[in-house]
Amino acid sequence: MEMGKKQNNESFLEKLAETLDLPGDVVAGLPRMEITGCRALMMENHRGILQYSTEEIDIGGSQAVVKVFGEHLILRAMNGRELLIVGQIFKIEFVY
């Protein structure tokens, strides 16, 4: 798919979700994250692990890379749709 068509499709889905008052993650497959304190991060609709160490885990998202920084980070569980990271989480960055 060409880049312009992909961006138009994503914009359309985001507008559709807003118009129908639906969560964007449901309609467009956008990542959804749940953070429990500074100890766990659960992410749905990921696009895989890009980099992994006990201090940094980079996760592919649909529009950005999610970088999780901390200590003793462990990928506790992962399947094609969800993943769970546990450890001492210091910072989360979104790189577009």
Protein backbone atom coordinates (compact mmCIF):
# COMPACT_ATOMS: atom_id res chain seq x y z
CA MET A 1 0.00 0.00 0.00
CA GLU A 2 1.33 3.44 -0.84
CA MET A 3 2.20 5.81 2.02
CA GLY A 4 -0.44 8.40 1.07
CA LYS A 5 -3.21 5.82 0.91
CA LYS A 6 -2.20 4.35 4.27
CA GLN A 7 -2.27 7.77 5.95
CA ASN A 8 -5.65 8.58 4.38
CA ASN A 9 -7.04 5.25 5.56
CA GLU A 10 -5.80 5.84 9.13
CA SER A 11 -7.28 9.37 9.13
CA PHE A 12 -10.58 8.02 7.87
CA LEU A 13 -10.70 5.36 10.59
CA GLU A 14 -9.84 7.89 13.29
CA LYS A 15 -12.60 10.24 12.06
CA LEU A 16 -15.06 7.35 11.85
CA ALA A 17 -14.31 6.34 15.42
CA GLU A 18 -14.79 9.92 16.60
CA THR A 19 -18.05 10.34 14.68
CA LEU A 20 -19.51 7.07 15.99
CA ASP A 21 -18.10 7.73 19.47
CA LEU A 22 -16.12 4.48 19.40
CA PRO A 23 -12.70 3.96 20.94
CA GLY A 24 -10.01 4.56 18.30
CA ASP A 25 -8.12 1.43 19.33
CA VAL A 26 -11.14 -0.71 18.49
CA VAL A 27 -11.72 0.76 15.05
CA ALA A 28 -8.18 1.41 13.86
CA GLY A 29 -6.18 -1.18 15.77
CA LEU A 30 -4.35 1.53 17.72
CA PRO A 31 -2.22 0.42 20.66
CA ARG A 32 -3.87 0.44 24.07
CA MET A 33 -1.71 0.53 27.20
CA GLU A 34 -2.47 -0.02 30.85
CA ILE A 35 0.17 0.91 33.41
CA THR A 36 -0.01 -0.42 36.95
CA GLY A 37 2.02 1.89 39.16
CA CYS A 38 5.64 1.75 38.08
CA ARG A 39 5.72 -2.05 38.07
CA ALA A 40 3.80 -3.31 35.01
CA LEU A 41 2.81 -2.29 31.49
CA MET A 42 0.21 -4.20 29.48
CA MET A 43 -0.09 -3.28 25.80
CA GLU A 44 -2.67 -4.46 23.28
CA ASN A 45 -2.38 -4.15 19.49
CA HIS A 46 1.41 -4.11 19.44
CA ARG A 47 3.53 -4.78 16.36
CA GLY A 48 6.31 -6.74 18.01
CA ILE A 49 9.43 -6.21 20.09
CA LEU A 50 12.11 -4.17 18.32
CA GLN A 51 14.76 -4.14 21.06
CA TYR A 52 15.00 -5.96 24.35
CA SER A 53 17.22 -5.63 27.41
CA THR A 54 16.64 -5.45 31.14
CA GLU A 55 16.94 -1.63 30.95
CA GLU A 56 15.03 -0.84 27.72
CA ILE A 57 12.32 -2.52 25.70
CA ASP A 58 11.22 -0.99 22.39
CA ILE A 59 7.79 -1.99 21.11
CA GLY A 60 6.40 -1.38 17.64
CA GLY A 61 3.09 0.46 17.57
CA SER A 62 0.94 1.42 14.62
CA GLN A 63 2.12 5.05 14.55
CA ALA A 64 5.06 5.18 16.96
CA VAL A 65 7.71 3.15 18.73
CA VAL A 66 7.01 2.83 22.45
CA LYS A 67 10.23 2.83 24.48
CA VAL A 68 10.03 1.52 28.04
CA PHE A 69 12.98 2.38 30.31
CA GLY A 70 13.69 0.93 33.73
CA GLU A 71 15.50 -1.75 35.70
CA HIS A 72 15.00 -5.50 35.81
CA LEU A 73 12.51 -5.31 32.91
CA ILE A 74 11.11 -8.68 31.88
CA LEU A 75 8.77 -9.56 29.05
CA ARG A 76 6.49 -11.68 31.21
CA ALA A 77 3.96 -12.66 28.50
CA MET A 78 3.38 -11.98 24.81
CA ASN A 79 1.13 -13.19 22.04
CA GLY A 80 0.15 -11.73 18.67
CA ARG A 81 -2.10 -9.12 20.25
CA GLU A 82 -0.96 -8.42 23.83
CA LEU A 83 2.21 -8.19 25.85
CA LEU A 84 3.07 -7.69 29.50
CA ILE A 85 6.26 -6.08 30.79
CA VAL A 86 7.12 -6.15 34.49
CA GLY A 87 9.97 -4.59 36.46
CA GLN A 88 10.81 -1.13 37.76
CA ILE A 89 9.53 1.25 35.05
CA PHE A 90 11.10 4.72 35.11
CA LYS A 91 9.99 6.27 31.83
CA ILE A 92 7.90 5.60 28.72
CA GLU A 93 8.64 7.48 25.46
CA PHE A 94 6.80 7.63 22.16
CA VAL A 95 9.04 8.09 19.12
CA TYR A 96 7.19 9.08 15.95
